[in-house]
Amino acid sequence: MYISISAQTLGNNFSQSVSDFVDYLEKENQGVILEEREHFFNQYGDVFSAKEVIKNIDGNTAKLKKIEPKFYSITVSPSQRELKQLQNTDLKHYTRELMKDYVTAFNREINGKPITINDIKYYAKIEHTRHFKGTDKQVIENQPFASKILKLKQDVRKIEKGTLEGSVKKNELQIAKLERSAPHQQHGKRIVQGMNKAGNQSHIHIIVSRKDASNSVSLSPGSKYKASNVMIDGKLVKRGFDRDIFFSKAEKTFDKTFGYKRNYAESYHAKKAFIKNPNVYFSTLMGLPTHEKAVAFKILGKAGVPIVDIPTNQVQLALKAIRTLKRGIDIAIKSGSIGI
């Protein structure tokens, strides 16, 4: 599962309206009949129009400055393995449970009481397609072939214009050979940035207002504080948002809700261990029972991590094979293939 939280920006500034982002999320509905469209939903309803979302989010920004985020985007991308465990309608149920976990991560109170799901304003939407990004392993490793193909196509145009001598047919044969030779293919075509990913790619986009439902309290999941107190207008006010709490609970909620048996390699705990202490991560990985270890390496392999013969003794644990595996996991985490 990959979860990200980000403030929406336009260039160097924060978006003053949610309209562009809502329009972007409506792209999959283009050309689709009304009965088959995915609608925005929240804790209380299943069908909200784009116009309603824009009106309600843009109208909930009292006293926020231009230099402050007006809303945040939460993206939830279950893995192919996780998606096999649930149906599309389950994603709505999970989103509603996930947002209950979201509010518990705030170290804030409203009118002297902890924040509840009723205190936030959000809208979510399920999408079914994802695209290969420039950071994906497949795109990166196909890039040398893409560069050669582009150069040959440019030469073909020059030959056709008469500004370069050569054979168009010979260049086209070279292009065809390079297309077939690229290491990463999908349905017989070279994987390129922007290409739709095959298989079930359902994921969730959530728009959550910076201000609470009453439009009076600022709630920032982008806070640099996990939990602290500050004096505001002579009052001691709690502040902060603990992403660790949110991410951990989101994972546990998924597993409990759908009876999902999570492998160590795909857990948030494992990602934290990998980032903070790679040696602990690899030692734990190698210490898994045989079946769980096999599943772990299968998961890593599907995430694009190069699987090498890994030494078993502690001295060898930090050598070349582990460094190769670490580079692969680094790329997989950055591309959102594994972890939260």
Protein backbone atom coordinates (compact mmCIF):
# COMPACT_ATOMS: atom_id res chain seq x y z
CA MET A 1 0.00 0.00 0.00
CA TYR A 2 1.28 3.44 -0.88
CA ILE A 3 -0.21 6.48 0.86
CA SER A 4 0.88 10.06 0.28
CA ILE A 5 -0.27 13.38 1.73
CA SER A 6 0.52 16.57 -0.13
CA ALA A 7 -0.54 20.20 -0.32
CA GLN A 8 -1.64 21.05 -3.85
CA THR A 9 0.58 23.65 -5.50
CA LEU A 10 0.50 25.60 -8.74
CA GLY A 11 4.08 26.47 -9.59
CA ASN A 12 5.61 27.96 -6.45
CA ASN A 13 2.25 28.93 -4.91
CA PHE A 14 -0.52 26.97 -3.21
CA SER A 15 -3.67 26.49 -5.30
CA GLN A 16 -6.28 29.08 -4.35
CA SER A 17 -9.07 26.87 -5.69
CA VAL A 18 -9.61 23.13 -5.79
CA SER A 19 -11.21 23.41 -9.26
CA ASP A 20 -8.14 22.36 -11.31
CA PHE A 21 -7.58 19.31 -9.14
CA VAL A 22 -11.25 18.34 -9.29
CA ASP A 23 -11.19 18.70 -13.09
CA TYR A 24 -8.14 16.43 -13.17
CA LEU A 25 -9.96 13.80 -11.10
CA GLU A 26 -12.91 13.93 -13.47
CA LYS A 27 -10.78 12.81 -16.43
CA GLU A 28 -11.84 9.15 -16.22
CA ASN A 29 -15.51 10.16 -16.51
CA GLN A 30 -15.01 11.74 -19.92
CA GLY A 31 -17.01 9.87 -22.53
CA VAL A 32 -18.54 7.53 -19.92
CA ILE A 33 -22.32 7.27 -19.55
CA LEU A 34 -23.75 8.66 -16.30
CA GLU A 35 -24.65 5.25 -14.84
CA GLU A 36 -21.04 4.04 -15.11
CA ARG A 37 -19.25 7.12 -13.79
CA GLU A 38 -17.36 7.25 -10.51
CA HIS A 39 -18.72 10.00 -8.29
CA PHE A 40 -17.18 11.91 -5.42
CA PHE A 41 -18.24 10.57 -2.03
CA ASN A 42 -17.59 11.22 1.65
CA GLN A 43 -18.58 9.88 5.06
CA TYR A 44 -22.23 10.72 4.52
CA GLY A 45 -23.04 10.31 0.84
CA ASP A 46 -22.09 8.46 -2.34
CA VAL A 47 -22.90 10.98 -5.08
CA PHE A 48 -21.47 14.49 -5.08
CA SER A 49 -20.93 16.47 -8.28
CA ALA A 50 -17.68 18.20 -9.15
CA LYS A 51 -19.47 21.53 -8.75
CA GLU A 52 -20.53 20.64 -5.20
CA VAL A 53 -16.99 19.60 -4.26
CA ILE A 54 -15.49 22.83 -5.59
CA LYS A 55 -18.11 24.97 -3.86
CA ASN A 56 -17.78 23.23 -0.49
CA ILE A 57 -13.96 23.06 -0.39
CA ASP A 58 -13.36 26.57 -1.80
CA GLY A 59 -15.98 27.96 0.57
CA ASN A 60 -14.25 26.50 3.60
CA THR A 61 -11.10 28.61 3.73
CA ALA A 62 -11.89 31.35 6.26
CA LYS A 63 -8.87 33.43 7.37
CA LEU A 64 -6.38 31.34 5.38
CA LYS A 65 -3.62 33.35 3.73
CA LYS A 66 -2.50 32.99 0.11
CA ILE A 67 0.74 31.42 1.31
CA GLU A 68 -1.15 28.69 3.21
CA PRO A 69 -2.56 25.46 1.70
CA LYS A 70 -6.33 25.55 1.28
CA PHE A 71 -6.68 21.79 1.02
CA TYR A 72 -4.61 18.61 1.03
CA SER A 73 -4.58 15.62 -1.28
CA ILE A 74 -4.34 12.11 0.14
CA THR A 75 -3.64 9.36 -2.38
CA VAL A 76 -4.18 5.74 -1.39
CA SER A 77 -2.83 3.12 -3.79
CA PRO A 78 -3.33 -0.51 -2.74
CA SER A 79 -0.97 -3.01 -4.32
CA GLN A 80 -2.13 -5.60 -6.85
CA ARG A 81 -1.84 -8.18 -4.08
CA GLU A 82 -4.05 -6.12 -1.77
CA LEU A 83 -6.60 -5.37 -4.50
CA LYS A 84 -7.18 -9.09 -5.02
CA GLN A 85 -8.59 -9.14 -1.49
CA LEU A 86 -11.43 -6.72 -2.11
CA GLN A 87 -14.07 -5.54 -4.53
CA ASN A 88 -14.42 -2.00 -5.85
CA THR A 89 -17.23 -1.10 -3.43
CA ASP A 90 -14.94 -2.09 -0.57
CA LEU A 91 -12.69 0.86 -1.42
CA LYS A 92 -15.42 3.26 -0.36
CA HIS A 93 -15.87 1.43 2.92
CA TYR A 94 -12.11 1.42 3.47
CA THR A 95 -11.87 5.15 2.69
CA ARG A 96 -14.43 5.94 5.36
CA GLU A 97 -12.57 3.82 7.92
CA LEU A 98 -9.26 5.35 6.82
CA MET A 99 -10.53 8.88 7.47
CA LYS A 100 -11.44 7.86 11.01
CA ASP A 101 -7.77 6.92 11.42
CA TYR A 102 -6.80 10.26 9.87
CA VAL A 103 -8.55 12.35 12.51
CA THR A 104 -7.00 10.36 15.39
CA ALA A 105 -3.54 11.38 14.16
CA PHE A 106 -4.19 15.05 15.02
CA ASN A 107 -2.99 16.38 18.35
CA ARG A 108 -5.79 18.94 18.36
CA GLU A 109 -9.03 19.62 20.17
CA ILE A 110 -12.15 21.49 19.10
CA ASN A 111 -14.16 23.01 21.91
CA GLY A 112 -12.12 20.97 24.39
CA LYS A 113 -12.85 17.64 22.69
CA PRO A 114 -10.68 15.38 20.48
CA ILE A 115 -11.28 15.71 16.74
CA THR A 116 -13.82 13.28 15.27
CA ILE A 117 -14.77 12.33 11.74
CA ASN A 118 -17.62 14.85 11.95
CA ASP A 119 -15.12 17.68 12.36
CA ILE A 120 -13.48 17.37 8.94
CA LYS A 121 -14.64 18.18 5.43
CA TYR A 122 -13.46 15.81 2.70
CA TYR A 123 -14.45 14.29 -0.64
CA ALA A 124 -12.98 11.17 -2.20
CA LYS A 125 -13.00 9.57 -5.63
CA ILE A 126 -11.96 6.15 -6.90
CA GLU A 127 -9.90 5.91 -10.09
CA HIS A 128 -9.14 2.76 -12.04
CA THR A 129 -6.14 3.62 -14.20
CA ARG A 130 -2.57 4.54 -13.34
CA HIS A 131 0.28 5.55 -15.58
CA PHE A 132 3.97 4.76 -15.66
CA LYS A 133 5.96 7.64 -14.20
CA GLY A 134 9.46 8.80 -15.04
CA THR A 135 10.62 7.41 -11.69
CA ASP A 136 9.37 3.88 -12.40
CA LYS A 137 12.10 1.28 -12.84
CA GLN A 138 10.64 0.13 -16.17
CA VAL A 139 10.76 3.63 -17.65
CA ILE A 140 14.26 4.34 -16.32
CA GLU A 141 15.72 1.10 -17.70
CA ASN A 142 13.97 1.59 -21.06
CA GLN A 143 15.30 5.15 -21.38
CA PRO A 144 18.56 4.31 -23.28
CA PHE A 145 16.44 2.57 -25.91
CA ALA A 146 14.02 5.51 -26.01
CA SER A 147 16.89 7.94 -26.63
CA LYS A 148 18.27 5.86 -29.51
CA ILE A 149 14.79 5.49 -31.03
CA LEU A 150 14.19 9.26 -30.83
CA LYS A 151 17.53 9.95 -32.55
CA LEU A 152 16.71 7.49 -35.35
CA LYS A 153 13.24 9.01 -35.86
CA GLN A 154 14.81 12.47 -36.10
CA ASP A 155 17.23 11.12 -38.70
CA VAL A 156 14.32 9.64 -40.68
CA ARG A 157 12.65 13.07 -40.84
CA LYS A 158 15.89 14.69 -41.96
CA ILE A 159 16.39 12.03 -44.65
CA GLU A 160 12.83 12.59 -45.89
CA LYS A 161 13.48 16.36 -46.03
CA GLY A 162 16.72 15.80 -47.90
CA THR A 163 18.93 17.38 -45.22
CA LEU A 164 20.61 14.09 -44.31
CA GLU A 165 21.85 11.19 -46.42
CA GLY A 166 20.83 7.68 -45.46
CA SER A 167 18.21 4.95 -45.78
CA VAL A 168 14.78 5.47 -44.27
CA LYS A 169 14.09 1.74 -44.43
CA LYS A 170 17.34 0.86 -42.64
CA ASN A 171 16.57 3.34 -39.85
CA GLU A 172 13.03 2.02 -39.49
CA LEU A 173 14.34 -1.54 -39.16
CA GLN A 174 16.74 -0.37 -36.43
CA ILE A 175 13.85 1.37 -34.67
CA ALA A 176 11.73 -1.79 -34.79
CA LYS A 177 14.63 -3.84 -33.41
CA LEU A 178 15.17 -1.41 -30.53
CA GLU A 179 11.43 -1.40 -29.74
CA ARG A 180 11.53 -5.20 -29.39
CA SER A 181 14.81 -5.20 -27.46
CA ALA A 182 13.77 -2.82 -24.70
CA PRO A 183 13.86 -4.85 -21.44
CA HIS A 184 10.40 -3.84 -20.22
CA GLN A 185 7.38 -4.55 -22.38
CA GLN A 186 3.63 -4.53 -21.81
CA HIS A 187 1.30 -6.27 -24.25
CA GLY A 188 4.13 -6.39 -26.79
CA LYS A 189 4.95 -2.67 -26.58
CA ARG A 190 7.88 -0.86 -25.01
CA ILE A 191 6.88 0.68 -21.67
CA VAL A 192 7.11 4.48 -21.79
CA GLN A 193 6.22 7.29 -19.42
CA GLY A 194 2.48 8.01 -19.52
CA MET A 195 1.47 4.50 -20.65
CA ASN A 196 -1.45 2.99 -18.72
CA LYS A 197 -0.41 0.22 -16.33
CA ALA A 198 -1.99 -3.18 -16.96
CA GLY A 199 -4.12 -5.02 -14.43
CA ASN A 200 -6.29 -3.70 -11.62
CA GLN A 201 -4.96 -0.23 -10.82
CA SER A 202 -7.81 1.05 -8.64
CA HIS A 203 -6.78 3.71 -6.16
CA ILE A 204 -8.33 6.52 -4.11
CA HIS A 205 -7.90 10.28 -4.24
CA ILE A 206 -9.09 12.22 -1.21
CA ILE A 207 -9.48 16.00 -1.04
CA VAL A 208 -9.53 17.22 2.55
CA SER A 209 -10.10 20.83 3.55
CA ARG A 210 -7.42 22.59 5.61
CA LYS A 211 -10.19 24.04 7.79
CA ASP A 212 -12.50 21.95 9.93
CA ALA A 213 -16.18 21.45 9.04
CA SER A 214 -17.16 24.58 10.97
CA ASN A 215 -14.64 26.64 8.95
CA SER A 216 -13.11 27.94 12.18
CA VAL A 217 -10.18 25.65 13.08
CA SER A 218 -7.10 24.99 10.95
CA LEU A 219 -6.14 21.30 10.66
CA SER A 220 -2.88 20.70 8.84
CA PRO A 221 -1.64 17.15 8.13
CA GLY A 222 1.46 18.89 6.80
CA SER A 223 2.44 20.12 10.24
CA LYS A 224 6.10 19.65 11.11
CA TYR A 225 5.03 18.86 14.67
CA LYS A 226 3.83 15.43 15.75
CA ALA A 227 2.51 16.67 19.08
CA SER A 228 3.22 19.89 20.95
CA ASN A 229 1.52 22.75 22.77
CA VAL A 230 1.67 26.45 21.86
CA MET A 231 0.29 29.61 23.45
CA ILE A 232 -2.17 31.39 21.10
CA ASP A 233 -4.12 34.47 22.26
CA GLY A 234 -3.32 33.60 25.87
CA LYS A 235 -4.60 30.02 25.50
CA LEU A 236 -2.59 26.81 25.49
CA VAL A 237 -3.42 25.06 22.21
CA LYS A 238 -2.47 21.55 21.12
CA ARG A 239 -1.02 21.19 17.65
CA GLY A 240 0.51 18.59 15.38
CA PHE A 241 -0.20 15.63 13.12
CA ASP A 242 1.53 12.27 13.55
CA ARG A 243 1.96 10.61 10.15
CA ASP A 244 3.39 7.49 11.76
CA ILE A 245 0.15 6.99 13.65
CA PHE A 246 -1.94 7.59 10.52
CA PHE A 247 0.09 5.29 8.26
CA SER A 248 0.29 2.51 10.84
CA LYS A 249 -3.44 2.64 11.61
CA ALA A 250 -4.33 2.80 7.89
CA GLU A 251 -2.45 -0.43 7.31
CA LYS A 252 -3.92 -2.19 10.35
CA THR A 253 -7.44 -1.04 9.40
CA PHE A 254 -7.03 -2.51 5.92
CA ASP A 255 -5.75 -5.82 7.26
CA LYS A 256 -8.47 -6.11 9.90
CA THR A 257 -11.30 -5.01 7.60
CA PHE A 258 -10.46 -7.38 4.77
CA GLY A 259 -8.69 -10.21 6.61
CA TYR A 260 -5.48 -9.43 4.76
CA LYS A 261 -2.32 -11.31 5.79
CA ARG A 262 0.43 -8.74 5.29
CA ASN A 263 3.96 -9.88 4.55
CA TYR A 264 6.88 -8.15 6.24
CA ALA A 265 8.21 -6.84 2.90
CA GLU A 266 5.05 -4.80 2.27
CA SER A 267 4.57 -3.45 5.78
CA TYR A 268 5.00 0.13 6.95
CA HIS A 269 7.14 -1.20 9.80
CA ALA A 270 9.52 -2.71 7.23
CA LYS A 271 9.78 0.52 5.26
CA LYS A 272 10.65 2.45 8.42
CA ALA A 273 13.29 -0.13 9.32
CA PHE A 274 14.74 0.02 5.81
CA ILE A 275 15.06 3.81 5.92
CA LYS A 276 16.37 4.08 9.50
CA ASN A 277 18.48 0.93 9.77
CA PRO A 278 18.93 -1.13 6.57
CA ASN A 279 20.95 -3.79 8.38
CA VAL A 280 18.01 -4.51 10.72
CA TYR A 281 15.68 -4.60 7.70
CA PHE A 282 17.79 -7.13 5.80
CA SER A 283 18.48 -9.23 8.89
CA THR A 284 14.74 -9.44 9.60
CA LEU A 285 14.02 -10.22 5.95
CA MET A 286 16.51 -13.07 5.92
CA GLY A 287 15.21 -14.37 9.27
CA LEU A 288 11.65 -14.86 8.04
CA PRO A 289 10.25 -18.41 7.86
CA THR A 290 10.96 -20.03 4.48
CA HIS A 291 7.47 -19.52 3.03
CA GLU A 292 7.18 -15.90 4.22
CA LYS A 293 10.66 -15.16 2.88
CA ALA A 294 9.70 -16.57 -0.52
CA VAL A 295 6.58 -14.39 -0.57
CA ALA A 296 8.66 -11.37 0.49
CA PHE A 297 11.08 -11.78 -2.40
CA LYS A 298 8.21 -12.33 -4.81
CA ILE A 299 6.69 -9.02 -3.64
CA LEU A 300 10.03 -7.23 -4.00
CA GLY A 301 10.53 -8.74 -7.45
CA LYS A 302 7.14 -7.49 -8.65
CA ALA A 303 8.02 -4.05 -7.29
CA GLY A 304 11.01 -4.00 -9.62
CA VAL A 305 13.67 -4.81 -7.04
CA PRO A 306 16.57 -6.83 -8.51
CA ILE A 307 16.64 -10.15 -6.65
CA VAL A 308 20.19 -11.39 -6.15
CA ASP A 309 21.77 -14.26 -4.26
CA ILE A 310 21.93 -12.89 -0.74
CA PRO A 311 24.68 -14.11 1.61
CA THR A 312 23.53 -15.46 4.94
CA ASN A 313 26.36 -14.55 7.31
CA GLN A 314 26.52 -11.16 9.06
CA VAL A 315 29.89 -10.18 7.58
CA GLN A 316 28.65 -10.55 4.03
CA LEU A 317 25.33 -8.85 4.82
CA ALA A 318 26.68 -5.39 3.96
CA LEU A 319 28.48 -6.37 0.76
CA LYS A 320 27.72 -5.98 -2.95
CA ALA A 321 24.57 -8.14 -3.12
CA ILE A 322 22.86 -6.18 -0.34
CA ARG A 323 23.87 -2.83 -1.88
CA THR A 324 22.28 -3.93 -5.16
CA LEU A 325 19.08 -4.92 -3.38
CA LYS A 326 19.06 -1.65 -1.41
CA ARG A 327 19.30 0.44 -4.60
CA GLY A 328 16.35 -1.48 -6.03
CA ILE A 329 14.22 -0.97 -2.93
CA ASP A 330 15.12 2.74 -2.88
CA ILE A 331 13.76 3.10 -6.42
CA ALA A 332 10.64 1.05 -5.63
CA ILE A 333 9.81 3.21 -2.61
CA LYS A 334 10.32 6.45 -4.56
CA SER A 335 8.07 5.24 -7.38
CA GLY A 336 5.35 4.20 -4.94
CA SER A 337 5.61 0.50 -5.77
CA ILE A 338 5.94 -0.62 -2.15
CA GLY A 339 5.42 0.76 1.31
CA ILE A 340 3.48 3.75 2.59
